[in-house]
């Protein structure tokens, strides 16, 4: 499930996706999706779409989301 989610997000939204925590546990995973853009609004829309698509794919298994900005 994790690999297919990562592949789907990469292909659909052209973002970088990595599993950043809980690699040693099969029941849990933490993923990070990253995009780079010159326009904050565009980046926000892309990341919101990534979140919406991930939620649609994994449903209630998605426990938390967080967005961080580096400018």
N, C-alpha and C. Protein backbone atom coordinates (compact mmCIF):
# COMPACT_ATOMS: atom_id res chain seq x y z
N UNK A 1 0.81 -1.20 0.00
CA UNK A 1 0.00 0.00 0.00
C UNK A 1 0.86 1.27 0.00
N UNK A 2 1.92 1.28 0.81
CA UNK A 2 2.76 2.48 0.90
C UNK A 2 3.45 2.75 -0.43
N UNK A 3 4.02 1.73 -1.03
CA UNK A 3 4.72 1.93 -2.30
C UNK A 3 3.77 2.39 -3.40
N UNK A 4 2.58 1.81 -3.44
CA UNK A 4 1.63 2.23 -4.48
C UNK A 4 1.16 3.66 -4.25
N UNK A 5 1.00 4.07 -2.99
CA UNK A 5 0.63 5.46 -2.70
C UNK A 5 1.74 6.40 -3.11
N UNK A 6 2.98 6.06 -2.77
CA UNK A 6 4.11 6.90 -3.16
C UNK A 6 4.20 7.04 -4.68
N UNK A 7 4.08 5.93 -5.38
CA UNK A 7 4.15 5.97 -6.85
C UNK A 7 3.03 6.80 -7.44
N UNK A 8 1.83 6.63 -6.91
CA UNK A 8 0.68 7.38 -7.43
C UNK A 8 0.87 8.88 -7.25
N UNK A 9 1.30 9.30 -6.06
CA UNK A 9 1.48 10.73 -5.80
C UNK A 9 2.60 11.31 -6.67
N UNK A 10 3.69 10.57 -6.82
CA UNK A 10 4.79 11.03 -7.69
C UNK A 10 4.30 11.24 -9.12
N UNK A 11 3.61 10.25 -9.64
CA UNK A 11 3.19 10.29 -11.03
C UNK A 11 2.08 11.31 -11.30
N UNK A 12 1.14 11.41 -10.38
CA UNK A 12 -0.02 12.27 -10.60
C UNK A 12 0.29 13.76 -10.37
N UNK A 13 1.15 14.05 -9.38
CA UNK A 13 1.36 15.45 -8.99
C UNK A 13 2.78 15.96 -9.19
N UNK A 14 3.68 15.11 -9.69
CA UNK A 14 5.07 15.49 -9.92
C UNK A 14 5.71 16.05 -8.65
N UNK A 15 5.54 15.33 -7.55
CA UNK A 15 6.16 15.70 -6.27
C UNK A 15 7.16 14.62 -5.90
N UNK A 16 8.08 14.97 -5.02
CA UNK A 16 8.97 13.98 -4.44
C UNK A 16 8.30 13.41 -3.21
N UNK A 17 8.36 12.09 -3.06
CA UNK A 17 7.71 11.43 -1.93
C UNK A 17 8.71 10.47 -1.31
N UNK A 18 8.82 10.50 0.02
CA UNK A 18 9.71 9.60 0.72
C UNK A 18 9.07 9.12 2.02
N UNK A 19 9.38 7.90 2.39
CA UNK A 19 8.97 7.38 3.69
C UNK A 19 10.01 7.85 4.69
N UNK A 20 9.61 8.68 5.66
CA UNK A 20 10.58 9.34 6.52
C UNK A 20 10.58 8.82 7.96
N UNK A 21 9.66 7.93 8.32
CA UNK A 21 9.65 7.38 9.67
C UNK A 21 8.88 6.08 9.69
N UNK A 22 9.12 5.29 10.69
CA UNK A 22 8.43 4.01 10.92
C UNK A 22 8.72 2.98 9.83
N UNK A 23 9.90 3.02 9.25
CA UNK A 23 10.25 2.05 8.21
C UNK A 23 10.32 0.63 8.75
N UNK A 24 10.50 0.49 10.06
CA UNK A 24 10.63 -0.84 10.65
C UNK A 24 9.30 -1.41 11.15
N UNK A 25 8.19 -0.71 10.90
CA UNK A 25 6.88 -1.16 11.34
C UNK A 25 5.96 -1.28 10.14
N UNK A 26 5.34 -2.43 9.94
CA UNK A 26 4.50 -2.56 8.74
C UNK A 26 3.11 -1.98 8.94
N UNK A 27 2.68 -1.75 10.17
CA UNK A 27 1.34 -1.21 10.41
C UNK A 27 1.28 0.31 10.34
N UNK A 28 2.42 0.96 10.23
CA UNK A 28 2.45 2.42 10.33
C UNK A 28 3.52 2.98 9.40
N UNK A 29 3.27 4.17 8.87
CA UNK A 29 4.24 4.81 7.99
C UNK A 29 4.08 6.32 8.06
N UNK A 30 5.16 7.02 7.88
CA UNK A 30 5.12 8.47 7.76
C UNK A 30 5.74 8.84 6.42
N UNK A 31 4.96 9.54 5.61
CA UNK A 31 5.43 9.95 4.29
C UNK A 31 5.58 11.46 4.23
N UNK A 32 6.51 11.91 3.41
CA UNK A 32 6.66 13.34 3.13
C UNK A 32 6.55 13.53 1.63
N UNK A 33 5.77 14.52 1.24
CA UNK A 33 5.66 14.91 -0.17
C UNK A 33 6.20 16.34 -0.28
N UNK A 34 7.05 16.55 -1.27
CA UNK A 34 7.72 17.84 -1.41
C UNK A 34 7.54 18.38 -2.81
N UNK A 35 7.27 19.67 -2.89
CA UNK A 35 7.23 20.34 -4.18
C UNK A 35 8.02 21.64 -4.08
N UNK A 36 8.52 22.10 -5.21
CA UNK A 36 9.25 23.36 -5.29
C UNK A 36 8.53 24.22 -6.32
N UNK A 37 8.25 25.46 -5.94
CA UNK A 37 7.53 26.36 -6.85
C UNK A 37 7.93 27.80 -6.56
N UNK A 38 7.84 28.63 -7.57
CA UNK A 38 8.13 30.05 -7.37
C UNK A 38 6.92 30.80 -6.82
N UNK A 39 5.77 30.14 -6.85
CA UNK A 39 4.52 30.77 -6.41
C UNK A 39 3.94 29.98 -5.23
N UNK A 40 3.80 30.62 -4.09
CA UNK A 40 3.29 29.99 -2.89
C UNK A 40 1.89 29.41 -3.11
N UNK A 41 1.05 30.12 -3.82
CA UNK A 41 -0.32 29.67 -4.07
C UNK A 41 -0.34 28.37 -4.86
N UNK A 42 0.49 28.28 -5.87
CA UNK A 42 0.56 27.06 -6.68
C UNK A 42 1.04 25.88 -5.82
N UNK A 43 2.08 26.09 -5.04
CA UNK A 43 2.60 25.03 -4.18
C UNK A 43 1.53 24.57 -3.19
N UNK A 44 0.79 25.51 -2.62
CA UNK A 44 -0.27 25.16 -1.67
C UNK A 44 -1.35 24.31 -2.34
N UNK A 45 -1.72 24.66 -3.56
CA UNK A 45 -2.73 23.89 -4.29
C UNK A 45 -2.25 22.48 -4.60
N UNK A 46 -0.99 22.36 -4.99
CA UNK A 46 -0.43 21.04 -5.30
C UNK A 46 -0.44 20.17 -4.04
N UNK A 47 0.04 20.73 -2.93
CA UNK A 47 0.10 19.95 -1.69
C UNK A 47 -1.29 19.60 -1.16
N UNK A 48 -2.25 20.49 -1.34
CA UNK A 48 -3.63 20.17 -0.94
C UNK A 48 -4.18 19.04 -1.80
N UNK A 49 -3.87 19.06 -3.08
CA UNK A 49 -4.31 17.97 -3.97
C UNK A 49 -3.66 16.65 -3.58
N UNK A 50 -2.39 16.69 -3.21
CA UNK A 50 -1.70 15.49 -2.75
C UNK A 50 -2.39 14.94 -1.51
N UNK A 51 -2.69 15.82 -0.56
CA UNK A 51 -3.37 15.40 0.67
C UNK A 51 -4.75 14.81 0.37
N UNK A 52 -5.50 15.46 -0.49
CA UNK A 52 -6.84 14.98 -0.83
C UNK A 52 -6.78 13.61 -1.51
N UNK A 53 -5.84 13.45 -2.42
CA UNK A 53 -5.72 12.19 -3.13
C UNK A 53 -5.28 11.07 -2.19
N UNK A 54 -4.33 11.35 -1.31
CA UNK A 54 -3.88 10.36 -0.33
C UNK A 54 -5.03 9.95 0.58
N UNK A 55 -5.80 10.93 1.03
CA UNK A 55 -6.95 10.63 1.89
C UNK A 55 -7.97 9.78 1.16
N UNK A 56 -8.17 10.06 -0.11
CA UNK A 56 -9.10 9.26 -0.90
C UNK A 56 -8.63 7.84 -1.09
N UNK A 57 -7.32 7.65 -1.16
CA UNK A 57 -6.78 6.32 -1.39
C UNK A 57 -6.72 5.48 -0.11
N UNK A 58 -6.33 6.08 1.01
CA UNK A 58 -6.16 5.30 2.24
C UNK A 58 -7.30 5.48 3.24
N UNK A 59 -8.18 6.44 2.99
CA UNK A 59 -9.35 6.63 3.85
C UNK A 59 -8.99 6.96 5.29
N UNK A 60 -9.64 6.27 6.21
CA UNK A 60 -9.45 6.57 7.64
C UNK A 60 -8.08 6.15 8.16
N UNK A 61 -7.30 5.47 7.35
CA UNK A 61 -5.94 5.12 7.76
C UNK A 61 -5.03 6.35 7.79
N UNK A 62 -5.45 7.43 7.13
CA UNK A 62 -4.69 8.69 7.18
C UNK A 62 -5.02 9.38 8.50
N UNK A 63 -4.04 9.45 9.38
CA UNK A 63 -4.28 9.93 10.73
C UNK A 63 -4.02 11.43 10.86
N UNK A 64 -2.98 11.93 10.20
CA UNK A 64 -2.59 13.31 10.40
C UNK A 64 -1.87 13.84 9.16
N UNK A 65 -2.00 15.13 8.94
CA UNK A 65 -1.24 15.81 7.89
C UNK A 65 -0.66 17.09 8.44
N UNK A 66 0.40 17.53 7.83
CA UNK A 66 1.07 18.75 8.27
C UNK A 66 1.77 19.36 7.06
N UNK A 67 1.73 20.67 6.94
CA UNK A 67 2.43 21.36 5.86
C UNK A 67 3.46 22.29 6.49
N UNK A 68 4.68 22.22 5.99
CA UNK A 68 5.76 23.11 6.43
C UNK A 68 6.27 23.86 5.22
N UNK A 69 6.60 25.13 5.41
CA UNK A 69 7.10 25.96 4.31
C UNK A 69 8.54 26.37 4.59
N UNK A 70 9.37 26.26 3.60
CA UNK A 70 10.74 26.76 3.66
C UNK A 70 10.86 27.82 2.58
N UNK A 71 11.14 29.00 2.98
CA UNK A 71 11.23 30.10 2.01
C UNK A 71 12.61 30.68 1.97
